[in-house]
PDB file of N, CA and C in Angstrom:
ATOM      1  N   UNK A   1     -53.427  36.034 114.041  1.00  0.00           N
ATOM      2  CA  UNK A   1     -52.393  35.835 114.551  1.00  0.00           C
ATOM      3  C   UNK A   1     -52.583  34.839 115.672  1.00  0.00           C
ATOM      4  N   UNK A   2     -51.856  33.729 115.456  1.00  0.00           N
ATOM      5  CA  UNK A   2     -51.700  32.701 116.369  1.00  0.00           C
ATOM      6  C   UNK A   2     -50.319  32.655 116.949  1.00  0.00           C
ATOM      7  N   UNK A   3     -50.604  32.596 118.467  1.00  0.00           N
ATOM      8  CA  UNK A   3     -49.442  33.016 119.363  1.00  0.00           C
ATOM      9  C   UNK A   3     -49.155  31.471 119.893  1.00  0.00           C
ATOM     10  N   UNK A   4     -47.703  31.094 119.774  1.00  0.00           N
ATOM     11  CA  UNK A   4     -47.668  29.526 120.478  1.00  0.00           C
ATOM     12  C   UNK A   4     -47.387  30.116 121.917  1.00  0.00           C
ATOM     13  N   UNK A   5     -48.000  29.591 122.598  1.00  0.00           N
ATOM     14  CA  UNK A   5     -47.871  29.799 124.210  1.00  0.00           C
ATOM     15  C   UNK A   5     -46.584  28.989 124.796  1.00  0.00           C
ATOM     16  N   UNK A   6     -45.918  28.381 123.890  1.00  0.00           N
ATOM     17  CA  UNK A   6     -44.403  27.826 124.445  1.00  0.00           C
ATOM     18  C   UNK A   6     -43.400  28.978 123.920  1.00  0.00           C
ATOM     19  N   UNK A   7     -43.637  29.461 123.406  1.00  0.00           N
ATOM     20  CA  UNK A   7     -42.505  30.607 122.403  1.00  0.00           C
ATOM     21  C   UNK A   7     -42.310  31.883 123.343  1.00  0.00           C
ATOM     22  N   UNK A   8     -41.413  31.875 123.571  1.00  0.00           N
ATOM     23  CA  UNK A   8     -40.651  33.176 124.482  1.00  0.00           C
ATOM     24  C   UNK A   8     -41.457  34.391 123.708  1.00  0.00           C
ATOM     25  N   UNK A   9     -42.200  34.987 124.703  1.00  0.00           N
ATOM     26  CA  UNK A   9     -42.626  36.172 123.934  1.00  0.00           C
ATOM     27  C   UNK A   9     -42.234  37.548 123.325  1.00  0.00           C
ATOM     28  N   UNK A  10     -40.778  37.595 123.993  1.00  0.00           N
ATOM     29  CA  UNK A  10     -39.653  38.576 123.449  1.00  0.00           C
ATOM     30  C   UNK A  10     -39.235  38.289 122.157  1.00  0.00           C
ATOM     31  N   UNK A  11     -38.914  37.049 121.771  1.00  0.00           N
ATOM     32  CA  UNK A  11     -38.314  36.469 120.613  1.00  0.00           C
ATOM     33  C   UNK A  11     -39.224  36.512 119.709  1.00  0.00           C
ATOM     34  N   UNK A  12     -40.900  36.308 120.063  1.00  0.00           N
ATOM     35  CA  UNK A  12     -41.859  36.463 119.135  1.00  0.00           C
ATOM     36  C   UNK A  12     -41.829  37.715 118.983  1.00  0.00           C
ATOM     37  N   UNK A  13     -42.286  39.020 119.466  1.00  0.00           N
ATOM     38  CA  UNK A  13     -42.274  40.492 119.080  1.00  0.00           C
ATOM     39  C   UNK A  13     -41.253  40.951 118.368  1.00  0.00           C
ATOM     40  N   UNK A  14     -40.286  40.469 119.019  1.00  0.00           N
ATOM     41  CA  UNK A  14     -38.862  41.052 118.255  1.00  0.00           C
ATOM     42  C   UNK A  14     -39.147  40.237 116.503  1.00  0.00           C
ATOM     43  N   UNK A  15     -39.375  38.943 116.290  1.00  0.00           N
ATOM     44  CA  UNK A  15     -39.539  38.590 114.960  1.00  0.00           C
ATOM     45  C   UNK A  15     -40.742  39.441 114.388  1.00  0.00           C
ATOM     46  N   UNK A  16     -41.613  39.668 115.024  1.00  0.00           N
ATOM     47  CA  UNK A  16     -42.788  40.286 114.134  1.00  0.00           C
ATOM     48  C   UNK A  16     -42.279  41.896 113.777  1.00  0.00           C
ATOM     49  N   UNK A  17     -41.464  42.548 114.407  1.00  0.00           N
ATOM     50  CA  UNK A  17     -41.207  43.777 114.607  1.00  0.00           C
ATOM     51  C   UNK A  17     -40.295  43.458 113.305  1.00  0.00           C
ATOM     52  N   UNK A  18     -39.231  42.837 113.323  1.00  0.00           N
ATOM     53  CA  UNK A  18     -38.414  42.563 112.171  1.00  0.00           C
ATOM     54  C   UNK A  18     -38.739  42.399 111.150  1.00  0.00           C
ATOM     55  N   UNK A  19     -39.807  41.584 110.906  1.00  0.00           N
ATOM     56  CA  UNK A  19     -40.462  40.806 109.657  1.00  0.00           C
ATOM     57  C   UNK A  19     -41.512  41.010 109.433  1.00  0.00           C
ATOM     58  N   UNK A  20     -42.638  41.480 109.977  1.00  0.00           N
ATOM     59  CA  UNK A  20     -43.941  41.150 109.926  1.00  0.00           C
ATOM     60  C   UNK A  20     -44.417  42.453 109.882  1.00  0.00           C
ATOM     61  N   UNK A  21     -44.150  43.596 110.725  1.00  0.00           N
ATOM     62  CA  UNK A  21     -44.464  44.833 110.858  1.00  0.00           C
ATOM     63  C   UNK A  21     -43.150  45.612 111.220  1.00  0.00           C
ATOM     64  N   UNK A  22     -42.723  46.368 109.634  1.00  0.00           N
ATOM     65  CA  UNK A  22     -41.966  47.073 109.739  1.00  0.00           C
ATOM     66  C   UNK A  22     -41.776  48.673 109.497  1.00  0.00           C
ATOM     67  N   UNK A  23     -42.930  48.914 109.479  1.00  0.00           N
ATOM     68  CA  UNK A  23     -43.146  50.401 109.749  1.00  0.00           C
ATOM     69  C   UNK A  23     -44.086  50.792 110.365  1.00  0.00           C
ATOM     70  N   UNK A  24     -44.286  52.042 110.956  1.00  0.00           N
ATOM     71  CA  UNK A  24     -45.558  52.558 111.206  1.00  0.00           C
ATOM     72  C   UNK A  24     -46.517  53.015 110.463  1.00  0.00           C
ATOM     73  N   UNK A  25     -47.973  53.003 111.089  1.00  0.00           N
ATOM     74  CA  UNK A  25     -48.665  53.901 110.556  1.00  0.00           C
ATOM     75  C   UNK A  25     -49.028  55.381 110.246  1.00  0.00           C
ATOM     76  N   UNK A  26     -48.011  55.909 111.457  1.00  0.00           N
ATOM     77  CA  UNK A  26     -47.995  57.057 111.465  1.00  0.00           C
ATOM     78  C   UNK A  26     -49.051  57.942 111.867  1.00  0.00           C
ATOM     79  N   UNK A  27     -50.293  57.368 112.208  1.00  0.00           N
ATOM     80  CA  UNK A  27     -51.349  57.807 112.854  1.00  0.00           C
ATOM     81  C   UNK A  27     -51.837  57.074 114.269  1.00  0.00           C
ATOM     82  N   UNK A  28     -52.389  57.752 115.195  1.00  0.00           N
ATOM     83  CA  UNK A  28     -52.915  57.341 116.418  1.00  0.00           C
ATOM     84  C   UNK A  28     -54.256  56.897 116.146  1.00  0.00           C
ATOM     85  N   UNK A  29     -54.343  55.756 117.052  1.00  0.00           N
ATOM     86  CA  UNK A  29     -55.948  54.977 116.671  1.00  0.00           C
ATOM     87  C   UNK A  29     -56.891  56.077 116.760  1.00  0.00           C
ATOM     88  N   UNK A  30     -57.844  55.980 116.166  1.00  0.00           N
ATOM     89  CA  UNK A  30     -59.319  56.888 116.398  1.00  0.00           C
ATOM     90  C   UNK A  30     -59.878  56.841 117.827  1.00  0.00           C
ATOM     91  N   UNK A  31     -59.723  55.651 118.171  1.00  0.00           N
ATOM     92  CA  UNK A  31     -60.483  55.502 119.433  1.00  0.00           C
ATOM     93  C   UNK A  31     -59.549  56.626 120.671  1.00  0.00           C
ATOM     94  N   UNK A  32     -58.438  56.544 120.618  1.00  0.00           N
ATOM     95  CA  UNK A  32     -57.508  57.380 121.165  1.00  0.00           C
ATOM     96  C   UNK A  32     -57.874  59.035 121.256  1.00  0.00           C
ATOM     97  N   UNK A  33     -58.035  59.201 120.122  1.00  0.00           N
ATOM     98  CA  UNK A  33     -58.335  60.639 119.257  1.00  0.00           C
ATOM     99  C   UNK A  33     -59.376  61.273 119.819  1.00  0.00           C
ATOM    100  N   UNK A  34     -60.504  60.280 119.676  1.00  0.00           N
ATOM    101  CA  UNK A  34     -61.847  60.777 120.255  1.00  0.00           C
ATOM    102  C   UNK A  34     -61.931  60.721 121.773  1.00  0.00           C
ATOM    103  N   UNK A  35     -61.264  60.171 122.300  1.00  0.00           N
ATOM    104  CA  UNK A  35     -61.203  60.027 123.838  1.00  0.00           C
ATOM    105  C   UNK A  35     -60.225  60.852 124.275  1.00  0.00           C
ATOM    106  N   UNK A  36     -59.463  61.115 123.971  1.00  0.00           N
ATOM    107  CA  UNK A  36     -58.214  62.399 124.113  1.00  0.00           C
ATOM    108  C   UNK A  36     -58.218  63.838 124.045  1.00  0.00           C
ATOM    109  N   UNK A  37     -58.797  63.819 122.607  1.00  0.00           N
ATOM    110  CA  UNK A  37     -59.293  65.249 122.352  1.00  0.00           C
ATOM    111  C   UNK A  37     -59.565  66.320 122.955  1.00  0.00           C
ATOM    112  N   UNK A  38     -60.576  65.802 124.133  1.00  0.00           N
ATOM    113  CA  UNK A  38     -61.200  66.875 125.032  1.00  0.00           C
ATOM    114  C   UNK A  38     -60.560  67.196 126.429  1.00  0.00           C
ATOM    115  N   UNK A  39     -59.480  66.350 126.821  1.00  0.00           N
ATOM    116  CA  UNK A  39     -58.879  66.128 128.129  1.00  0.00           C
ATOM    117  C   UNK A  39     -57.646  67.429 127.969  1.00  0.00           C
ATOM    118  N   UNK A  40     -57.761  67.855 129.079  1.00  0.00           N
ATOM    119  CA  UNK A  40     -56.436  68.585 129.563  1.00  0.00           C
ATOM    120  C   UNK A  40     -55.142  67.965 129.478  1.00  0.00           C
ATOM    121  N   UNK A  41     -54.068  68.776 128.844  1.00  0.00           N
ATOM    122  CA  UNK A  41     -52.690  67.781 128.493  1.00  0.00           C
ATOM    123  C   UNK A  41     -52.440  67.637 130.000  1.00  0.00           C
ATOM    124  N   UNK A  42     -51.584  66.214 130.210  1.00  0.00           N
ATOM    125  CA  UNK A  42     -50.953  65.943 131.072  1.00  0.00           C
ATOM    126  C   UNK A  42     -50.318  64.845 130.966  1.00  0.00           C
ATOM    127  N   UNK A  43     -50.036  63.727 131.852  1.00  0.00           N
ATOM    128  CA  UNK A  43     -48.965  62.871 131.349  1.00  0.00           C
ATOM    129  C   UNK A  43     -49.836  61.354 130.935  1.00  0.00           C
ATOM    130  N   UNK A  44     -49.107  60.389 130.197  1.00  0.00           N
ATOM    131  CA  UNK A  44     -49.903  59.669 129.690  1.00  0.00           C
ATOM    132  C   UNK A  44     -48.915  58.536 129.305  1.00  0.00           C
ATOM    133  N   UNK A  45     -49.379  57.319 129.599  1.00  0.00           N
ATOM    134  CA  UNK A  45     -48.624  55.959 129.577  1.00  0.00           C
ATOM    135  C   UNK A  45     -49.182  54.723 128.685  1.00  0.00           C
ATOM    136  N   UNK A  46     -48.642  54.519 127.487  1.00  0.00           N
ATOM    137  CA  UNK A  46     -49.353  53.483 126.568  1.00  0.00           C
ATOM    138  C   UNK A  46     -48.269  52.276 126.846  1.00  0.00           C
ATOM    139  N   UNK A  47     -48.989  50.981 127.007  1.00  0.00           N
ATOM    140  CA  UNK A  47     -48.625  49.631 127.404  1.00  0.00           C
ATOM    141  C   UNK A  47     -48.750  48.813 126.215  1.00  0.00           C
ATOM    142  N   UNK A  48     -47.814  48.546 125.414  1.00  0.00           N
ATOM    143  CA  UNK A  48     -47.570  47.811 124.453  1.00  0.00           C
ATOM    144  C   UNK A  48     -47.628  48.588 123.475  1.00  0.00           C
ATOM    145  N   UNK A  49     -46.784  49.603 123.266  1.00  0.00           N
ATOM    146  CA  UNK A  49     -46.832  51.259 122.224  1.00  0.00           C
ATOM    147  C   UNK A  49     -46.702  50.819 121.141  1.00  0.00           C
ATOM    148  N   UNK A  50     -45.957  49.685 120.718  1.00  0.00           N
ATOM    149  CA  UNK A  50     -45.606  49.270 118.780  1.00  0.00           C
ATOM    150  C   UNK A  50     -44.651  50.424 118.661  1.00  0.00           C
ATOM    151  N   UNK A  51     -45.015  51.319 117.814  1.00  0.00           N
ATOM    152  CA  UNK A  51     -44.024  52.055 117.041  1.00  0.00           C
ATOM    153  C   UNK A  51     -44.090  53.226 117.290  1.00  0.00           C
ATOM    154  N   UNK A  52     -44.645  53.885 118.709  1.00  0.00           N
ATOM    155  CA  UNK A  52     -45.292  54.855 119.202  1.00  0.00           C
ATOM    156  C   UNK A  52     -46.348  55.649 118.922  1.00  0.00           C
ATOM    157  N   UNK A  53     -46.997  55.443 117.435  1.00  0.00           N
ATOM    158  CA  UNK A  53     -48.090  56.229 116.887  1.00  0.00           C
ATOM    159  C   UNK A  53     -48.703  56.964 117.927  1.00  0.00           C
ATOM    160  N   UNK A  54     -49.123  56.023 118.917  1.00  0.00           N
ATOM    161  CA  UNK A  54     -50.305  56.565 119.998  1.00  0.00           C
ATOM    162  C   UNK A  54     -49.231  58.010 120.916  1.00  0.00           C
ATOM    163  N   UNK A  55     -48.338  57.634 121.202  1.00  0.00           N
ATOM    164  CA  UNK A  55     -47.855  58.016 122.109  1.00  0.00           C
ATOM    165  C   UNK A  55     -47.199  59.419 121.637  1.00  0.00           C
ATOM    166  N   UNK A  56     -46.762  59.493 120.141  1.00  0.00           N
ATOM    167  CA  UNK A  56     -46.112  60.780 119.366  1.00  0.00           C
ATOM    168  C   UNK A  56     -47.455  61.705 119.212  1.00  0.00           C
ATOM    169  N   UNK A  57     -48.607  61.086 118.964  1.00  0.00           N
ATOM    170  CA  UNK A  57     -49.664  61.634 118.767  1.00  0.00           C
ATOM    171  C   UNK A  57     -50.022  62.314 120.043  1.00  0.00           C
ATOM    172  N   UNK A  58     -49.881  61.729 121.177  1.00  0.00           N
ATOM    173  CA  UNK A  58     -50.310  62.616 122.541  1.00  0.00           C
ATOM    174  C   UNK A  58     -49.228  63.520 122.787  1.00  0.00           C
ATOM    175  N   UNK A  59     -47.854  63.386 122.540  1.00  0.00           N
ATOM    176  CA  UNK A  59     -46.691  64.331 122.978  1.00  0.00           C
ATOM    177  C   UNK A  59     -47.071  65.636 121.824  1.00  0.00           C
ATOM    178  N   UNK A  60     -47.687  65.251 120.499  1.00  0.00           N
ATOM    179  CA  UNK A  60     -47.792  66.560 119.662  1.00  0.00           C
ATOM    180  C   UNK A  60     -49.205  67.281 120.356  1.00  0.00           C
ATOM    181  N   UNK A  61     -50.197  66.743 120.957  1.00  0.00           N
ATOM    182  CA  UNK A  61     -50.924  67.659 121.492  1.00  0.00           C
ATOM    183  C   UNK A  61     -50.582  67.806 123.255  1.00  0.00           C
ATOM    184  N   UNK A  62     -49.377  67.869 123.417  1.00  0.00           N
ATOM    185  CA  UNK A  62     -48.916  68.726 124.539  1.00  0.00           C
ATOM    186  C   UNK A  62     -48.699  67.793 125.743  1.00  0.00           C
ATOM    187  N   UNK A  63     -49.086  66.484 125.707  1.00  0.00           N
ATOM    188  CA  UNK A  63     -49.038  65.685 126.827  1.00  0.00           C
ATOM    189  C   UNK A  63     -47.486  65.033 127.032  1.00  0.00           C
ATOM    190  N   UNK A  64     -47.049  64.945 128.186  1.00  0.00           N
ATOM    191  CA  UNK A  64     -46.032  64.052 128.279  1.00  0.00           C
ATOM    192  C   UNK A  64     -45.950  62.545 128.385  1.00  0.00           C
ATOM    193  N   UNK A  65     -45.453  61.960 127.168  1.00  0.00           N
ATOM    194  CA  UNK A  65     -46.176  60.505 127.302  1.00  0.00           C
ATOM    195  C   UNK A  65     -45.266  59.379 127.268  1.00  0.00           C
ATOM    196  N   UNK A  66     -45.044  58.464 127.696  1.00  0.00           N
ATOM    197  CA  UNK A  66     -44.462  57.240 127.937  1.00  0.00           C
ATOM    198  C   UNK A  66     -44.870  55.856 127.188  1.00  0.00           C
ATOM    199  N   UNK A  67     -43.979  55.382 125.957  1.00  0.00           N
ATOM    200  CA  UNK A  67     -44.675  54.037 125.777  1.00  0.00           C
ATOM    201  C   UNK A  67     -43.880  52.906 126.103  1.00  0.00           C
ATOM    202  N   UNK A  68     -44.139  51.691 126.218  1.00  0.00           N
ATOM    203  CA  UNK A  68     -43.262  50.509 126.652  1.00  0.00           C
ATOM    204  C   UNK A  68     -43.807  49.551 125.876  1.00  0.00           C
ATOM    205  N   UNK A  69     -42.953  48.742 125.432  1.00  0.00           N
ATOM    206  CA  UNK A  69     -42.971  47.957 124.723  1.00  0.00           C
ATOM    207  C   UNK A  69     -41.899  46.650 124.868  1.00  0.00           C
ATOM    208  N   UNK A  70     -42.243  45.524 124.591  1.00  0.00           N
ATOM    209  CA  UNK A  70     -41.460  44.431 125.332  1.00  0.00           C
ATOM    210  C   UNK A  70     -40.403  44.214 123.857  1.00  0.00           C
ATOM    211  N   UNK A  71     -40.621  44.848 122.596  1.00  0.00           N
ATOM    212  CA  UNK A  71     -39.543  44.699 121.564  1.00  0.00           C
ATOM    213  C   UNK A  71     -38.524  45.841 121.344  1.00  0.00           C
ATOM    214  N   UNK A  72     -37.392  45.509 121.758  1.00  0.00           N
ATOM    215  CA  UNK A  72     -36.210  46.751 121.437  1.00  0.00           C
ATOM    216  C   UNK A  72     -36.502  47.550 120.062  1.00  0.00           C
ATOM    217  N   UNK A  73     -36.715  46.423 119.086  1.00  0.00           N
ATOM    218  CA  UNK A  73     -36.772  47.060 117.832  1.00  0.00           C
ATOM    219  C   UNK A  73     -38.070  48.120 117.669  1.00  0.00           C
ATOM    220  N   UNK A  74     -39.003  47.851 118.427  1.00  0.00           N
ATOM    221  CA  UNK A  74     -40.184  48.665 118.480  1.00  0.00           C
ATOM    222  C   UNK A  74     -40.066  49.880 119.274  1.00  0.00           C
ATOM    223  N   UNK A  75     -39.024  49.538 120.279  1.00  0.00           N
ATOM    224  CA  UNK A  75     -38.892  50.980 120.834  1.00  0.00           C
ATOM    225  C   UNK A  75     -37.784  51.502 120.093  1.00  0.00           C
ATOM    226  N   UNK A  76     -36.728  50.985 119.620  1.00  0.00           N
ATOM    227  CA  UNK A  76     -35.476  51.762 118.970  1.00  0.00           C
ATOM    228  C   UNK A  76     -36.293  52.499 117.893  1.00  0.00           C
ATOM    229  N   UNK A  77     -37.704  52.002 117.007  1.00  0.00           N
ATOM    230  CA  UNK A  77     -37.957  52.820 115.895  1.00  0.00           C
ATOM    231  C   UNK A  77     -38.946  53.868 116.323  1.00  0.00           C
ATOM    232  N   UNK A  78     -39.641  53.396 117.561  1.00  0.00           N
ATOM    233  CA  UNK A  78     -40.505  54.610 118.060  1.00  0.00           C
ATOM    234  C   UNK A  78     -39.636  55.780 118.375  1.00  0.00           C
ATOM    235  N   UNK A  79     -38.612  55.588 119.437  1.00  0.00           N
ATOM    236  CA  UNK A  79     -37.507  56.522 119.669  1.00  0.00           C
ATOM    237  C   UNK A  79     -36.965  57.451 118.678  1.00  0.00           C
ATOM    238  N   UNK A  80     -36.720  56.689 117.587  1.00  0.00           N
ATOM    239  CA  UNK A  80     -35.873  57.459 116.284  1.00  0.00           C
ATOM    240  C   UNK A  80     -37.459  58.427 115.648  1.00  0.00           C
ATOM    241  N   UNK A  81     -38.097  57.910 115.300  1.00  0.00           N
ATOM    242  CA  UNK A  81     -39.319  58.637 115.227  1.00  0.00           C
ATOM    243  C   UNK A  81     -39.764  60.043 115.885  1.00  0.00           C
ATOM    244  N   UNK A  82     -40.016  59.976 117.256  1.00  0.00           N
ATOM    245  CA  UNK A  82     -39.941  60.874 118.040  1.00  0.00           C
ATOM    246  C   UNK A  82     -38.668  61.900 117.933  1.00  0.00           C
ATOM    247  N   UNK A  83     -37.932  61.546 118.016  1.00  0.00           N
ATOM    248  CA  UNK A  83     -36.625  62.295 118.003  1.00  0.00           C
ATOM    249  C   UNK A  83     -36.418  63.273 116.489  1.00  0.00           C
ATOM    250  N   UNK A  84     -36.943  62.613 115.418  1.00  0.00           N
ATOM    251  CA  UNK A  84     -36.730  63.070 114.323  1.00  0.00           C
ATOM    252  C   UNK A  84     -38.069  64.220 114.175  1.00  0.00           C
ATOM    253  N   UNK A  85     -38.996  63.926 115.098  1.00  0.00           N
ATOM    254  CA  UNK A  85     -40.374  65.026 115.034  1.00  0.00           C
ATOM    255  C   UNK A  85     -39.946  66.043 115.987  1.00  0.00           C
ATOM    256  N   UNK A  86     -38.775  66.148 116.983  1.00  0.00           N
ATOM    257  CA  UNK A  86     -38.555  67.219 118.060  1.00  0.00           C
ATOM    258  C   UNK A  86     -39.341  66.623 119.219  1.00  0.00           C
ATOM    259  N   UNK A  87     -39.574  65.510 119.341  1.00  0.00           N
ATOM    260  CA  UNK A  87     -40.450  65.359 120.467  1.00  0.00           C
ATOM    261  C   UNK A  87     -39.829  64.264 121.356  1.00  0.00           C
ATOM    262  N   UNK A  88     -38.462  64.283 121.186  1.00  0.00           N
ATOM    263  CA  UNK A  88     -37.554  63.384 122.219  1.00  0.00           C
ATOM    264  C   UNK A  88     -37.889  63.557 123.747  1.00  0.00           C
ATOM    265  N   UNK A  89     -38.018  64.664 124.210  1.00  0.00           N
ATOM    266  CA  UNK A  89     -38.326  64.910 125.596  1.00  0.00           C
ATOM    267  C   UNK A  89     -39.646  64.571 126.269  1.00  0.00           C
ATOM    268  N   UNK A  90     -40.805  65.093 124.874  1.00  0.00           N
ATOM    269  CA  UNK A  90     -42.145  64.623 125.618  1.00  0.00           C
ATOM    270  C   UNK A  90     -42.837  63.223 125.198  1.00  0.00           C
ATOM    271  N   UNK A  91     -42.096  62.648 124.309  1.00  0.00           N
ATOM    272  CA  UNK A  91     -42.431  61.507 123.966  1.00  0.00           C
ATOM    273  C   UNK A  91     -41.488  60.378 124.179  1.00  0.00           C
ATOM    274  N   UNK A  92     -41.395  59.638 125.280  1.00  0.00           N
ATOM    275  CA  UNK A  92     -40.188  58.772 125.750  1.00  0.00           C
ATOM    276  C   UNK A  92     -40.867  57.265 125.511  1.00  0.00           C
ATOM    277  N   UNK A  93     -39.923  56.466 125.287  1.00  0.00           N
ATOM    278  CA  UNK A  93     -40.024  54.926 125.084  1.00  0.00           C
ATOM    279  C   UNK A  93     -39.214  54.030 125.732  1.00  0.00           C
ATOM    280  N   UNK A  94     -39.487  52.919 126.337  1.00  0.00           N
ATOM    281  CA  UNK A  94     -38.574  51.950 127.050  1.00  0.00           C
ATOM    282  C   UNK A  94     -39.181  50.591 126.647  1.00  0.00           C
ATOM    283  N   UNK A  95     -38.248  49.667 126.978  1.00  0.00           N
ATOM    284  CA  UNK A  95     -38.201  48.216 126.770  1.00  0.00           C
ATOM    285  C   UNK A  95     -38.878  47.912 127.809  1.00  0.00           C
ATOM    286  N   UNK A  96     -40.094  47.190 128.213  1.00  0.00           N
ATOM    287  CA  UNK A  96     -40.470  46.584 129.603  1.00  0.00           C
ATOM    288  C   UNK A  96     -41.347  45.142 129.212  1.00  0.00           C
ATOM    289  N   UNK A  97     -40.938  44.117 129.993  1.00  0.00           N
ATOM    290  CA  UNK A  97     -41.953  43.137 129.749  1.00  0.00           C
ATOM    291  C   UNK A  97     -43.059  42.924 130.879  1.00  0.00           C
ATOM    292  N   UNK A  98     -44.009  43.482 130.566  1.00  0.00           N
ATOM    293  CA  UNK A  98     -45.222  43.423 131.146  1.00  0.00           C
ATOM    294  C   UNK A  98     -45.600  42.334 132.344  1.00  0.00           C
ATOM    295  N   UNK A  99     -45.120  41.294 131.767  1.00  0.00           N
ATOM    296  CA  UNK A  99     -45.298  40.006 132.521  1.00  0.00           C
ATOM    297  C   UNK A  99     -44.358  39.858 134.075  1.00  0.00           C
ATOM    298  N   UNK A 100     -43.418  40.897 133.864  1.00  0.00           N
ATOM    299  CA  UNK A 100     -42.351  41.018 134.891  1.00  0.00           C
ATOM    300  C   UNK A 100     -42.786  41.831 135.825  1.00  0.00           C
ATOM    301  N   UNK A 101     -43.167  43.320 135.312  1.00  0.00           N
ATOM    302  CA  UNK A 101     -43.170  44.530 135.961  1.00  0.00           C
ATOM    303  C   UNK A 101     -43.724  45.284 134.899  1.00  0.00           C
ATOM    304  N   UNK A 102     -44.419  46.614 135.868  1.00  0.00           N
ATOM    305  CA  UNK A 102     -44.742  47.703 135.040  1.00  0.00           C
ATOM    306  C   UNK A 102     -43.823  48.943 135.239  1.00  0.00           C
ATOM    307  N   UNK A 103     -43.940  49.781 134.195  1.00  0.00           N
ATOM    308  CA  UNK A 103     -42.899  50.787 134.586  1.00  0.00           C
ATOM    309  C   UNK A 103     -42.912  51.369 135.927  1.00  0.00           C
ATOM    310  N   UNK A 104     -42.196  52.238 136.732  1.00  0.00           N
ATOM    311  CA  UNK A 104     -42.252  53.086 137.580  1.00  0.00           C
ATOM    312  C   UNK A 104     -42.898  54.344 137.399  1.00  0.00           C
ATOM    313  N   UNK A 105     -43.728  54.541 138.044  1.00  0.00           N
ATOM    314  CA  UNK A 105     -44.499  55.762 138.030  1.00  0.00           C
ATOM    315  C   UNK A 105     -43.840  57.093 137.849  1.00  0.00           C
ATOM    316  N   UNK A 106     -42.547  57.257 138.461  1.00  0.00           N
ATOM    317  CA  UNK A 106     -41.807  58.489 138.170  1.00  0.00           C
ATOM    318  C   UNK A 106     -41.228  58.389 136.772  1.00  0.00           C
ATOM    319  N   UNK A 107     -41.088  57.370 136.100  1.00  0.00           N
ATOM    320  CA  UNK A 107     -40.475  57.119 135.053  1.00  0.00           C
ATOM    321  C   UNK A 107     -41.536  57.882 133.835  1.00  0.00           C
ATOM    322  N   UNK A 108     -42.688  58.533 134.073  1.00  0.00           N
ATOM    323  CA  UNK A 108     -43.558  58.789 133.155  1.00  0.00           C
ATOM    324  C   UNK A 108     -43.266  60.545 132.996  1.00  0.00           C
TER     325      UNK A 108
END
């Protein structure tokens, strides 16, 4: 994927999620599963959460997980999936532009 450095990042990712990546895989990444399976439940933060697959998987494993993404479309979809799975409290999502600020630690 080629990214034009002159393009607004929020506009780029909104277009990406509206037109190119319109659905979730429904699976957490293999690397996350391998690393996190043996850890005690706790809190997790996913920067660039996309459709929330990793955050939702972490919540299903007993963790409090928060996902952040620059795209409102991605965040809306991730929230809807978490809510539909009954994980609205354990898996939370927010829109954030990491070039401006990171999420506050108290929000996790």
